[in-house]
Structures are given as structure tokens and as C-alpha cells.
C-alpha atoms as a PDB file:
ATOM      1  CA  UNK A   1     -32.683  56.603  40.363  1.00  0.00           C
ATOM      2  CA  UNK A   2     -29.916  57.955  42.641  1.00  0.00           C
ATOM      3  CA  UNK A   3     -28.577  55.477  45.290  1.00  0.00           C
ATOM      4  CA  UNK A   4     -26.207  55.755  48.378  1.00  0.00           C
ATOM      5  CA  UNK A   5     -25.124  53.049  50.622  1.00  0.00           C
ATOM      6  CA  UNK A   6     -27.384  53.768  53.621  1.00  0.00           C
ATOM      7  CA  UNK A   7     -25.861  56.488  55.937  1.00  0.00           C
ATOM      8  CA  UNK A   8     -27.486  56.209  59.444  1.00  0.00           C
ATOM      9  CA  UNK A   9     -25.398  53.885  61.198  1.00  0.00           C
ATOM     10  CA  UNK A  10     -27.801  53.089  64.113  1.00  0.00           C
ATOM     11  CA  UNK A  11     -30.593  52.074  61.736  1.00  0.00           C
ATOM     12  CA  UNK A  12     -28.754  51.113  58.334  1.00  0.00           C
ATOM     13  CA  UNK A  13     -25.269  49.971  58.922  1.00  0.00           C
ATOM     14  CA  UNK A  14     -25.859  48.085  62.183  1.00  0.00           C
ATOM     15  CA  UNK A  15     -23.219  45.471  62.953  1.00  0.00           C
ATOM     16  CA  UNK A  16     -24.424  42.208  64.564  1.00  0.00           C
ATOM     17  CA  UNK A  17     -21.788  39.637  65.548  1.00  0.00           C
ATOM     18  CA  UNK A  18     -19.114  41.345  63.325  1.00  0.00           C
ATOM     19  CA  UNK A  19     -21.266  40.956  60.198  1.00  0.00           C
ATOM     20  CA  UNK A  20     -23.298  43.769  58.416  1.00  0.00           C
ATOM     21  CA  UNK A  21     -26.964  43.501  59.156  1.00  0.00           C
ATOM     22  CA  UNK A  22     -29.079  41.683  56.526  1.00  0.00           C
ATOM     23  CA  UNK A  23     -32.301  43.691  55.748  1.00  0.00           C
ATOM     24  CA  UNK A  24     -35.706  42.475  54.658  1.00  0.00           C
ATOM     25  CA  UNK A  25     -38.660  44.042  52.896  1.00  0.00           C
ATOM     26  CA  UNK A  26     -40.056  44.652  56.585  1.00  0.00           C
ATOM     27  CA  UNK A  27     -37.134  47.119  56.832  1.00  0.00           C
ATOM     28  CA  UNK A  28     -38.176  48.844  53.764  1.00  0.00           C
ATOM     29  CA  UNK A  29     -41.632  49.153  54.763  1.00  0.00           C
ATOM     30  CA  UNK A  30     -40.718  50.486  58.089  1.00  0.00           C
ATOM     31  CA  UNK A  31     -38.740  53.353  56.700  1.00  0.00           C
ATOM     32  CA  UNK A  32     -40.133  56.858  57.651  1.00  0.00           C
ATOM     33  CA  UNK A  33     -42.570  58.526  55.283  1.00  0.00           C
ATOM     34  CA  UNK A  34     -40.910  59.921  52.077  1.00  0.00           C
ATOM     35  CA  UNK A  35     -37.810  57.721  52.657  1.00  0.00           C
ATOM     36  CA  UNK A  36     -37.157  55.191  49.846  1.00  0.00           C
ATOM     37  CA  UNK A  37     -34.605  52.459  49.486  1.00  0.00           C
ATOM     38  CA  UNK A  38     -34.045  49.260  47.633  1.00  0.00           C
ATOM     39  CA  UNK A  39     -32.730  45.789  48.719  1.00  0.00           C
ATOM     40  CA  UNK A  40     -30.319  43.654  46.831  1.00  0.00           C
ATOM     41  CA  UNK A  41     -29.643  40.205  48.701  1.00  0.00           C
ATOM     42  CA  UNK A  42     -30.432  41.869  51.980  1.00  0.00           C
ATOM     43  CA  UNK A  43     -28.225  44.900  51.523  1.00  0.00           C
ATOM     44  CA  UNK A  44     -30.019  48.178  51.745  1.00  0.00           C
ATOM     45  CA  UNK A  45     -29.520  51.257  49.523  1.00  0.00           C
ATOM     46  CA  UNK A  46     -31.092  54.625  50.064  1.00  0.00           C
ATOM     47  CA  UNK A  47     -32.618  56.393  47.161  1.00  0.00           C
ATOM     48  CA  UNK A  48     -31.927  60.077  46.501  1.00  0.00           C
ATOM     49  CA  UNK A  49     -34.233  62.620  44.912  1.00  0.00           C
ATOM     50  CA  UNK A  50     -34.009  62.391  41.100  1.00  0.00           C
ATOM     51  CA  UNK A  51     -33.043  65.130  38.961  1.00  0.00           C
ATOM     52  CA  UNK A  52     -35.057  67.035  36.302  1.00  0.00           C
ATOM     53  CA  UNK A  53     -33.301  65.439  33.380  1.00  0.00           C
ATOM     54  CA  UNK A  54     -33.973  62.038  35.173  1.00  0.00           C
ATOM     55  CA  UNK A  55     -37.741  62.840  35.609  1.00  0.00           C
ATOM     56  CA  UNK A  56     -38.155  64.196  32.102  1.00  0.00           C
ATOM     57  CA  UNK A  57     -36.700  61.107  30.503  1.00  0.00           C
ATOM     58  CA  UNK A  58     -38.838  59.017  32.822  1.00  0.00           C
ATOM     59  CA  UNK A  59     -42.062  60.651  31.908  1.00  0.00           C
ATOM     60  CA  UNK A  60     -41.459  60.881  28.144  1.00  0.00           C
ATOM     61  CA  UNK A  61     -40.550  57.125  27.946  1.00  0.00           C
ATOM     62  CA  UNK A  62     -43.337  56.006  30.274  1.00  0.00           C
ATOM     63  CA  UNK A  63     -45.874  57.969  27.932  1.00  0.00           C
ATOM     64  CA  UNK A  64     -44.546  56.500  24.831  1.00  0.00           C
ATOM     65  CA  UNK A  65     -44.576  53.019  26.103  1.00  0.00           C
ATOM     66  CA  UNK A  66     -48.022  53.595  27.450  1.00  0.00           C
ATOM     67  CA  UNK A  67     -49.427  55.012  24.165  1.00  0.00           C
ATOM     68  CA  UNK A  68     -48.035  52.072  22.311  1.00  0.00           C
ATOM     69  CA  UNK A  69     -49.483  49.460  24.790  1.00  0.00           C
ATOM     70  CA  UNK A  70     -52.965  51.363  24.639  1.00  0.00           C
ATOM     71  CA  UNK A  71     -53.022  51.659  20.742  1.00  0.00           C
ATOM     72  CA  UNK A  72     -52.199  47.988  20.371  1.00  0.00           C
ATOM     73  CA  UNK A  73     -54.692  46.995  23.170  1.00  0.00           C
ATOM     74  CA  UNK A  74     -51.819  45.205  24.835  1.00  0.00           C
ATOM     75  CA  UNK A  75     -52.169  43.429  28.167  1.00  0.00           C
ATOM     76  CA  UNK A  76     -48.888  44.850  29.607  1.00  0.00           C
ATOM     77  CA  UNK A  77     -48.732  47.849  32.040  1.00  0.00           C
ATOM     78  CA  UNK A  78     -46.223  50.450  32.289  1.00  0.00           C
ATOM     79  CA  UNK A  79     -45.369  51.583  35.705  1.00  0.00           C
ATOM     80  CA  UNK A  80     -43.020  54.267  36.505  1.00  0.00           C
ATOM     81  CA  UNK A  81     -41.106  54.697  39.774  1.00  0.00           C
ATOM     82  CA  UNK A  82     -41.841  54.724  42.653  1.00  0.00           C
ATOM     83  CA  UNK A  83     -43.485  51.348  42.032  1.00  0.00           C
ATOM     84  CA  UNK A  84     -42.514  48.140  44.363  1.00  0.00           C
ATOM     85  CA  UNK A  85     -40.993  45.272  42.751  1.00  0.00           C
ATOM     86  CA  UNK A  86     -40.319  42.229  44.856  1.00  0.00           C
ATOM     87  CA  UNK A  87     -38.078  41.067  42.175  1.00  0.00           C
ATOM     88  CA  UNK A  88     -37.437  37.444  43.372  1.00  0.00           C
ATOM     89  CA  UNK A  89     -40.495  37.379  45.319  1.00  0.00           C
ATOM     90  CA  UNK A  90     -38.608  36.940  48.475  1.00  0.00           C
ATOM     91  CA  UNK A  91     -37.880  39.026  51.549  1.00  0.00           C
ATOM     92  CA  UNK A  92     -34.300  39.977  50.689  1.00  0.00           C
ATOM     93  CA  UNK A  93     -34.726  41.590  47.185  1.00  0.00           C
ATOM     94  CA  UNK A  94     -36.895  44.638  46.554  1.00  0.00           C
ATOM     95  CA  UNK A  95     -36.317  47.363  43.798  1.00  0.00           C
ATOM     96  CA  UNK A  96     -38.001  50.382  42.191  1.00  0.00           C
ATOM     97  CA  UNK A  97     -36.949  50.286  38.542  1.00  0.00           C
ATOM     98  CA  UNK A  98     -37.469  53.712  36.862  1.00  0.00           C
ATOM     99  CA  UNK A  99     -39.860  52.104  34.482  1.00  0.00           C
ATOM    100  CA  UNK A 100     -41.390  48.443  34.780  1.00  0.00           C
ATOM    101  CA  UNK A 101     -43.347  46.917  32.067  1.00  0.00           C
ATOM    102  CA  UNK A 102     -45.289  43.901  33.542  1.00  0.00           C
ATOM    103  CA  UNK A 103     -47.242  41.820  30.989  1.00  0.00           C
ATOM    104  CA  UNK A 104     -48.516  39.099  33.566  1.00  0.00           C
ATOM    105  CA  UNK A 105     -51.280  40.523  35.384  1.00  0.00           C
ATOM    106  CA  UNK A 106     -51.030  37.633  38.093  1.00  0.00           C
ATOM    107  CA  UNK A 107     -47.723  39.248  39.249  1.00  0.00           C
ATOM    108  CA  UNK A 108     -49.533  42.463  40.154  1.00  0.00           C
ATOM    109  CA  UNK A 109     -51.512  43.586  43.181  1.00  0.00           C
ATOM    110  CA  UNK A 110     -52.043  46.806  45.169  1.00  0.00           C
ATOM    111  CA  UNK A 111     -48.460  46.354  46.780  1.00  0.00           C
ATOM    112  CA  UNK A 112     -46.595  45.981  43.699  1.00  0.00           C
ATOM    113  CA  UNK A 113     -45.165  43.396  41.203  1.00  0.00           C
ATOM    114  CA  UNK A 114     -44.351  39.991  42.546  1.00  0.00           C
ATOM    115  CA  UNK A 115     -41.541  38.630  40.558  1.00  0.00           C
ATOM    116  CA  UNK A 116     -39.607  40.066  37.644  1.00  0.00           C
ATOM    117  CA  UNK A 117     -41.084  42.650  35.224  1.00  0.00           C
ATOM    118  CA  UNK A 118     -40.860  41.745  31.570  1.00  0.00           C
ATOM    119  CA  UNK A 119     -38.913  45.080  30.937  1.00  0.00           C
ATOM    120  CA  UNK A 120     -36.992  47.136  33.269  1.00  0.00           C
ATOM    121  CA  UNK A 121     -35.492  50.597  32.528  1.00  0.00           C
ATOM    122  CA  UNK A 122     -33.038  52.566  34.752  1.00  0.00           C
ATOM    123  CA  UNK A 123     -31.919  55.998  33.956  1.00  0.00           C
ATOM    124  CA  UNK A 124     -28.596  56.701  35.267  1.00  0.00           C
ATOM    125  CA  UNK A 125     -27.484  59.393  37.563  1.00  0.00           C
ATOM    126  CA  UNK A 126     -23.882  59.957  38.728  1.00  0.00           C
ATOM    127  CA  UNK A 127     -24.492  58.190  41.967  1.00  0.00           C
ATOM    128  CA  UNK A 128     -26.313  55.109  40.589  1.00  0.00           C
ATOM    129  CA  UNK A 129     -23.852  54.084  37.778  1.00  0.00           C
ATOM    130  CA  UNK A 130     -22.298  51.238  39.476  1.00  0.00           C
ATOM    131  CA  UNK A 131     -25.755  50.036  41.018  1.00  0.00           C
ATOM    132  CA  UNK A 132     -27.514  50.034  37.617  1.00  0.00           C
ATOM    133  CA  UNK A 133     -24.697  48.730  35.524  1.00  0.00           C
ATOM    134  CA  UNK A 134     -23.448  46.119  37.819  1.00  0.00           C
ATOM    135  CA  UNK A 135     -25.593  45.086  40.711  1.00  0.00           C
ATOM    136  CA  UNK A 136     -29.069  45.512  39.261  1.00  0.00           C
ATOM    137  CA  UNK A 137     -27.734  44.004  35.842  1.00  0.00           C
ATOM    138  CA  UNK A 138     -26.810  40.903  37.649  1.00  0.00           C
ATOM    139  CA  UNK A 139     -29.950  40.850  39.787  1.00  0.00           C
ATOM    140  CA  UNK A 140     -32.323  41.612  36.827  1.00  0.00           C
ATOM    141  CA  UNK A 141     -30.861  38.824  34.673  1.00  0.00           C
ATOM    142  CA  UNK A 142     -30.863  36.216  37.598  1.00  0.00           C
ATOM    143  CA  UNK A 143     -34.388  37.204  38.488  1.00  0.00           C
ATOM    144  CA  UNK A 144     -35.831  36.639  34.888  1.00  0.00           C
ATOM    145  CA  UNK A 145     -36.359  40.039  33.402  1.00  0.00           C
ATOM    146  CA  UNK A 146     -36.618  39.597  29.712  1.00  0.00           C
ATOM    147  CA  UNK A 147     -35.207  42.990  28.690  1.00  0.00           C
ATOM    148  CA  UNK A 148     -33.131  45.709  30.466  1.00  0.00           C
ATOM    149  CA  UNK A 149     -32.397  49.111  29.378  1.00  0.00           C
ATOM    150  CA  UNK A 150     -29.845  51.457  30.824  1.00  0.00           C
ATOM    151  CA  UNK A 151     -30.411  55.037  29.720  1.00  0.00           C
ATOM    152  CA  UNK A 152     -27.562  57.293  30.355  1.00  0.00           C
ATOM    153  CA  UNK A 153     -28.444  60.980  29.898  1.00  0.00           C
ATOM    154  CA  UNK A 154     -24.870  62.117  30.657  1.00  0.00           C
ATOM    155  CA  UNK A 155     -23.325  60.017  27.768  1.00  0.00           C
ATOM    156  CA  UNK A 156     -26.752  60.339  25.732  1.00  0.00           C
ATOM    157  CA  UNK A 157     -26.672  56.532  25.149  1.00  0.00           C
ATOM    158  CA  UNK A 158     -29.041  53.582  25.792  1.00  0.00           C
ATOM    159  CA  UNK A 159     -27.695  50.061  26.455  1.00  0.00           C
ATOM    160  CA  UNK A 160     -30.138  47.293  25.674  1.00  0.00           C
ATOM    161  CA  UNK A 161     -29.653  43.806  27.415  1.00  0.00           C
ATOM    162  CA  UNK A 162     -32.217  41.248  25.756  1.00  0.00           C
ATOM    163  CA  UNK A 163     -31.710  38.463  28.420  1.00  0.00           C
ATOM    164  CA  UNK A 164     -34.619  36.424  26.721  1.00  0.00           C
ATOM    165  CA  UNK A 165     -32.596  36.052  23.541  1.00  0.00           C
ATOM    166  CA  UNK A 166     -29.224  35.623  25.461  1.00  0.00           C
ATOM    167  CA  UNK A 167     -27.742  38.317  22.985  1.00  0.00           C
ATOM    168  CA  UNK A 168     -24.740  40.551  23.514  1.00  0.00           C
ATOM    169  CA  UNK A 169     -25.765  44.110  24.766  1.00  0.00           C
ATOM    170  CA  UNK A 170     -26.239  46.563  22.154  1.00  0.00           C
ATOM    171  CA  UNK A 171     -25.534  50.340  22.823  1.00  0.00           C
ATOM    172  CA  UNK A 172     -27.336  53.212  20.898  1.00  0.00           C
ATOM    173  CA  UNK A 173     -27.044  56.877  21.063  1.00  0.00           C
ATOM    174  CA  UNK A 174     -29.783  59.487  21.522  1.00  0.00           C
ATOM    175  CA  UNK A 175     -29.937  60.148  17.872  1.00  0.00           C
ATOM    176  CA  UNK A 176     -31.108  56.666  17.054  1.00  0.00           C
ATOM    177  CA  UNK A 177     -34.410  54.874  17.305  1.00  0.00           C
ATOM    178  CA  UNK A 178     -34.165  52.036  19.899  1.00  0.00           C
ATOM    179  CA  UNK A 179     -36.254  48.871  19.395  1.00  0.00           C
ATOM    180  CA  UNK A 180     -38.052  47.171  22.365  1.00  0.00           C
ATOM    181  CA  UNK A 181     -37.209  43.614  22.112  1.00  0.00           C
ATOM    182  CA  UNK A 182     -40.461  42.392  23.801  1.00  0.00           C
ATOM    183  CA  UNK A 183     -42.549  44.048  21.014  1.00  0.00           C
ATOM    184  CA  UNK A 184     -42.278  43.346  17.269  1.00  0.00           C
ATOM    185  CA  UNK A 185     -42.772  46.833  16.149  1.00  0.00           C
ATOM    186  CA  UNK A 186     -42.185  49.328  18.931  1.00  0.00           C
ATOM    187  CA  UNK A 187     -39.211  51.940  18.920  1.00  0.00           C
ATOM    188  CA  UNK A 188     -38.423  54.837  21.072  1.00  0.00           C
ATOM    189  CA  UNK A 189     -37.110  57.720  19.166  1.00  0.00           C
ATOM    190  CA  UNK A 190     -34.654  59.333  21.717  1.00  0.00           C
ATOM    191  CA  UNK A 191     -33.946  62.093  19.112  1.00  0.00           C
ATOM    192  CA  UNK A 192     -37.254  63.585  19.907  1.00  0.00           C
ATOM    193  CA  UNK A 193     -36.594  63.906  23.629  1.00  0.00           C
END
């Protein structure tokens, strides 16, 4: 998902007492219809409209994951963006991963996911590279996401972080099948996309 530091000074970059304003989930919920943003430690980031390539990857991956879960009568749910994830279940952190896989139904309600998803996927765009590779990487690991994938359509690569196993990240290219660590026998074949 594309991100940009919020642009409207009067609303988003207000200075209070010499410090940048800290935002909460209430500020996200008060955004005008159609505007989307994420919060990381109280800092708000607006989300731009995704590209065709981004949406195509998002849909294909979501369908593949969903079919696997259905065929194996799994209890997990695959939820593509926009879907609210109150990642630390607090008022200062709110994200919308491109794909969230949540295996604990107690974390879900009509508003979204309260706590970390088991598996989060972000599809890079030029404006989201730093956000997804640095800010969200740290947030997802700290919040307890078991596995995090960064899909880079420009480089035709997938970087897999398996936080649960505390292993080094592994990078694949789109000609390879990529194994989902939260499942024993599920691979996504990016060569078919």
C-alpha cells in the first residue's frame, strides 16, 4: 500500500507545544469518507490509491491463501486490505496490511483484528518501501506477528521474515515457490502470477 507522511498541516502535522501531534485511533476513525491512514506509535501516514499491479498481486495471493485454508478446513481467515488491524491493541497503532491471516477468532470482530495477525503481507510500491521494510518490519516483529512477507513487484522478489522461528530473512524471486511458514505444506508459486 502506498504511504506518504500526512500533508494537511492543520489536521495532520499540527504542532503542539513544539512537538508534532501524536494521533490516536480516534483520529483515524474521524478521517473523511474515502481517506485512509495508518498509525505507528502515534504518527499518522496517509495511504495512496494502489496500482493495478499491486491489486492484481493482492487478489491472486488472497485467493490462493483462501483456497488453501478452505481445502484444509483451516480455522484461519485471510483478509485483504482495507481491513483494520489494531496491531498492539492500543490507541497509537493501527495498520491495514495488504493481506492479514488471522488464526485466532477471538481477535476478530466487526471492527477488525485486535492484536497481531499470524501472517502479514505487504506489497511494495515506490512510496511504501521505507515504511514496509523498516517501520512496519519493526512494528510487526514487536507486536507478535509470526510471519511477515514483503512482496516487491519492481524487483520481482519476496522477502520472508519468520519471527516465530527467529530465523534470518530469506529472499526469493518470482520464479520460485515460496513456502508459508505458518503452514506445513503451503507454497505460493509466484511464477504463475
